[in-house]
């Protein structure tokens, strides 16, 4: 059981290339009030991976177990619930069942 984090930096980038490349691969956006061209978060239960883009800082978190993935997703969402406005996780219809199976239904858009 291991959680690995890779940190990259893209000084000229925006979140939109991440949107365009991650969503087709089964990632769902973790929507918050902070979302903008310089800020975004995504997660994929199938790959147990989270990606964050904050002002050019890119953090890629990979979990080896479902339990670790659930913990990392909840930690991210809890932070946004506490410090800004968490809106919900927006999975594609074809991947919603994966979120439900992990017990994360309460974080999905209603």
C-alpha atoms as a PDB file:
ATOM      1  CA  UNK A   1       0.000   0.000   0.000  1.00  0.00           C
ATOM      2  CA  UNK A   2       1.593   3.162  -1.225  1.00  0.00           C
ATOM      3  CA  UNK A   3       0.522   6.625  -2.249  1.00  0.00           C
ATOM      4  CA  UNK A   4       2.900   8.322  -4.649  1.00  0.00           C
ATOM      5  CA  UNK A   5       2.878  11.988  -5.583  1.00  0.00           C
ATOM      6  CA  UNK A   6       4.610  13.532  -8.549  1.00  0.00           C
ATOM      7  CA  UNK A   7       4.879  17.301  -8.706  1.00  0.00           C
ATOM      8  CA  UNK A   8       5.432  19.145 -11.974  1.00  0.00           C
ATOM      9  CA  UNK A   9       5.375  22.800 -12.960  1.00  0.00           C
ATOM     10  CA  UNK A  10       4.055  24.436 -16.118  1.00  0.00           C
ATOM     11  CA  UNK A  11       4.522  28.230 -15.860  1.00  0.00           C
ATOM     12  CA  UNK A  12       2.644  28.977 -19.074  1.00  0.00           C
ATOM     13  CA  UNK A  13      -0.117  26.404 -18.816  1.00  0.00           C
ATOM     14  CA  UNK A  14      -3.792  26.416 -18.006  1.00  0.00           C
ATOM     15  CA  UNK A  15      -6.075  23.686 -16.752  1.00  0.00           C
ATOM     16  CA  UNK A  16      -7.800  23.190 -20.100  1.00  0.00           C
ATOM     17  CA  UNK A  17      -5.307  20.735 -21.623  1.00  0.00           C
ATOM     18  CA  UNK A  18      -5.786  18.667 -18.469  1.00  0.00           C
ATOM     19  CA  UNK A  19      -9.567  18.776 -18.889  1.00  0.00           C
ATOM     20  CA  UNK A  20      -9.240  17.707 -22.510  1.00  0.00           C
ATOM     21  CA  UNK A  21      -6.854  14.832 -21.808  1.00  0.00           C
ATOM     22  CA  UNK A  22      -8.177  13.498 -18.479  1.00  0.00           C
ATOM     23  CA  UNK A  23     -11.948  13.462 -18.925  1.00  0.00           C
ATOM     24  CA  UNK A  24     -11.844  11.106 -21.959  1.00  0.00           C
ATOM     25  CA  UNK A  25      -9.710   8.728 -19.839  1.00  0.00           C
ATOM     26  CA  UNK A  26     -12.413   8.350 -17.169  1.00  0.00           C
ATOM     27  CA  UNK A  27     -11.457  11.199 -14.858  1.00  0.00           C
ATOM     28  CA  UNK A  28     -14.182  13.251 -13.205  1.00  0.00           C
ATOM     29  CA  UNK A  29     -13.834  16.893 -12.291  1.00  0.00           C
ATOM     30  CA  UNK A  30     -13.995  17.766  -8.612  1.00  0.00           C
ATOM     31  CA  UNK A  31     -15.950  21.006  -8.963  1.00  0.00           C
ATOM     32  CA  UNK A  32     -15.335  23.885  -6.564  1.00  0.00           C
ATOM     33  CA  UNK A  33     -15.968  27.614  -6.403  1.00  0.00           C
ATOM     34  CA  UNK A  34     -12.260  28.144  -7.137  1.00  0.00           C
ATOM     35  CA  UNK A  35     -12.323  26.512 -10.584  1.00  0.00           C
ATOM     36  CA  UNK A  36     -10.789  28.782 -13.204  1.00  0.00           C
ATOM     37  CA  UNK A  37      -8.199  28.617 -15.966  1.00  0.00           C
ATOM     38  CA  UNK A  38      -5.498  28.446 -13.280  1.00  0.00           C
ATOM     39  CA  UNK A  39      -7.215  25.950 -10.954  1.00  0.00           C
ATOM     40  CA  UNK A  40      -8.776  22.499 -11.243  1.00  0.00           C
ATOM     41  CA  UNK A  41      -8.898  18.992  -9.738  1.00  0.00           C
ATOM     42  CA  UNK A  42      -9.802  15.625 -11.256  1.00  0.00           C
ATOM     43  CA  UNK A  43      -9.973  12.034 -10.016  1.00  0.00           C
ATOM     44  CA  UNK A  44     -10.335   8.595 -11.594  1.00  0.00           C
ATOM     45  CA  UNK A  45     -11.517   5.636  -9.493  1.00  0.00           C
ATOM     46  CA  UNK A  46     -10.509   3.057 -12.106  1.00  0.00           C
ATOM     47  CA  UNK A  47      -6.901   4.294 -12.148  1.00  0.00           C
ATOM     48  CA  UNK A  48      -6.976   5.374  -8.461  1.00  0.00           C
ATOM     49  CA  UNK A  49      -5.435   8.660  -9.506  1.00  0.00           C
ATOM     50  CA  UNK A  50      -5.988  12.330  -8.634  1.00  0.00           C
ATOM     51  CA  UNK A  51      -4.636  15.313 -10.561  1.00  0.00           C
ATOM     52  CA  UNK A  52      -4.503  18.871  -9.303  1.00  0.00           C
ATOM     53  CA  UNK A  53      -3.597  21.984 -11.296  1.00  0.00           C
ATOM     54  CA  UNK A  54      -3.009  25.119  -9.239  1.00  0.00           C
ATOM     55  CA  UNK A  55      -1.385  28.126 -10.900  1.00  0.00           C
ATOM     56  CA  UNK A  56       0.980  25.938 -12.911  1.00  0.00           C
ATOM     57  CA  UNK A  57       1.732  23.497 -10.095  1.00  0.00           C
ATOM     58  CA  UNK A  58       0.604  20.026 -11.111  1.00  0.00           C
ATOM     59  CA  UNK A  59       0.283  17.276  -8.511  1.00  0.00           C
ATOM     60  CA  UNK A  60      -0.421  13.730  -9.625  1.00  0.00           C
ATOM     61  CA  UNK A  61      -1.376  11.364  -6.807  1.00  0.00           C
ATOM     62  CA  UNK A  62      -1.523   7.617  -7.447  1.00  0.00           C
ATOM     63  CA  UNK A  63      -3.009   5.230  -4.870  1.00  0.00           C
ATOM     64  CA  UNK A  64      -2.466   1.480  -4.844  1.00  0.00           C
ATOM     65  CA  UNK A  65      -5.689   0.584  -3.016  1.00  0.00           C
ATOM     66  CA  UNK A  66      -9.315   1.681  -3.132  1.00  0.00           C
ATOM     67  CA  UNK A  67      -9.090   2.623   0.544  1.00  0.00           C
ATOM     68  CA  UNK A  68      -6.211   5.023  -0.179  1.00  0.00           C
ATOM     69  CA  UNK A  69      -8.053   6.507  -3.149  1.00  0.00           C
ATOM     70  CA  UNK A  70     -11.209   7.038  -1.098  1.00  0.00           C
ATOM     71  CA  UNK A  71      -9.158   8.727   1.626  1.00  0.00           C
ATOM     72  CA  UNK A  72      -7.404  11.053  -0.831  1.00  0.00           C
ATOM     73  CA  UNK A  73     -10.660  12.018  -2.560  1.00  0.00           C
ATOM     74  CA  UNK A  74     -12.372  12.700   0.764  1.00  0.00           C
ATOM     75  CA  UNK A  75      -9.368  14.711   1.979  1.00  0.00           C
ATOM     76  CA  UNK A  76      -9.509  16.877  -1.159  1.00  0.00           C
ATOM     77  CA  UNK A  77     -13.278  17.370  -0.936  1.00  0.00           C
ATOM     78  CA  UNK A  78     -13.191  18.035   2.823  1.00  0.00           C
ATOM     79  CA  UNK A  79     -10.621  20.796   2.281  1.00  0.00           C
ATOM     80  CA  UNK A  80     -12.874  22.464  -0.267  1.00  0.00           C
ATOM     81  CA  UNK A  81     -15.930  22.060   1.966  1.00  0.00           C
ATOM     82  CA  UNK A  82     -14.042  23.823   4.750  1.00  0.00           C
ATOM     83  CA  UNK A  83     -12.228  26.582   2.828  1.00  0.00           C
ATOM     84  CA  UNK A  84     -14.344  27.398  -0.206  1.00  0.00           C
ATOM     85  CA  UNK A  85     -17.403  26.027  -1.892  1.00  0.00           C
ATOM     86  CA  UNK A  86     -17.310  22.362  -2.865  1.00  0.00           C
ATOM     87  CA  UNK A  87     -19.883  21.791  -5.590  1.00  0.00           C
ATOM     88  CA  UNK A  88     -19.598  18.076  -6.329  1.00  0.00           C
ATOM     89  CA  UNK A  89     -17.844  15.445  -8.359  1.00  0.00           C
ATOM     90  CA  UNK A  90     -19.062  15.225 -11.924  1.00  0.00           C
ATOM     91  CA  UNK A  91     -18.415  11.706 -13.292  1.00  0.00           C
ATOM     92  CA  UNK A  92     -19.351  10.626 -16.783  1.00  0.00           C
ATOM     93  CA  UNK A  93     -22.422   8.417 -16.922  1.00  0.00           C
ATOM     94  CA  UNK A  94     -20.278   5.417 -17.877  1.00  0.00           C
ATOM     95  CA  UNK A  95     -18.106   5.752 -14.751  1.00  0.00           C
ATOM     96  CA  UNK A  96     -20.650   6.799 -12.129  1.00  0.00           C
ATOM     97  CA  UNK A  97     -21.056   3.185 -10.945  1.00  0.00           C
ATOM     98  CA  UNK A  98     -17.354   3.116  -9.959  1.00  0.00           C
ATOM     99  CA  UNK A  99     -17.850   6.071  -7.607  1.00  0.00           C
ATOM    100  CA  UNK A 100     -20.981   4.485  -6.160  1.00  0.00           C
ATOM    101  CA  UNK A 101     -19.185   1.163  -5.601  1.00  0.00           C
ATOM    102  CA  UNK A 102     -16.504   2.999  -3.582  1.00  0.00           C
ATOM    103  CA  UNK A 103     -19.117   4.595  -1.326  1.00  0.00           C
ATOM    104  CA  UNK A 104     -18.511   8.108  -2.620  1.00  0.00           C
ATOM    105  CA  UNK A 105     -22.091   8.764  -3.751  1.00  0.00           C
ATOM    106  CA  UNK A 106     -22.477  11.583  -1.214  1.00  0.00           C
ATOM    107  CA  UNK A 107     -19.806  13.588  -3.076  1.00  0.00           C
ATOM    108  CA  UNK A 108     -21.415  13.288  -6.514  1.00  0.00           C
ATOM    109  CA  UNK A 109     -23.701  15.888  -8.001  1.00  0.00           C
ATOM    110  CA  UNK A 110     -27.265  15.145  -7.008  1.00  0.00           C
END
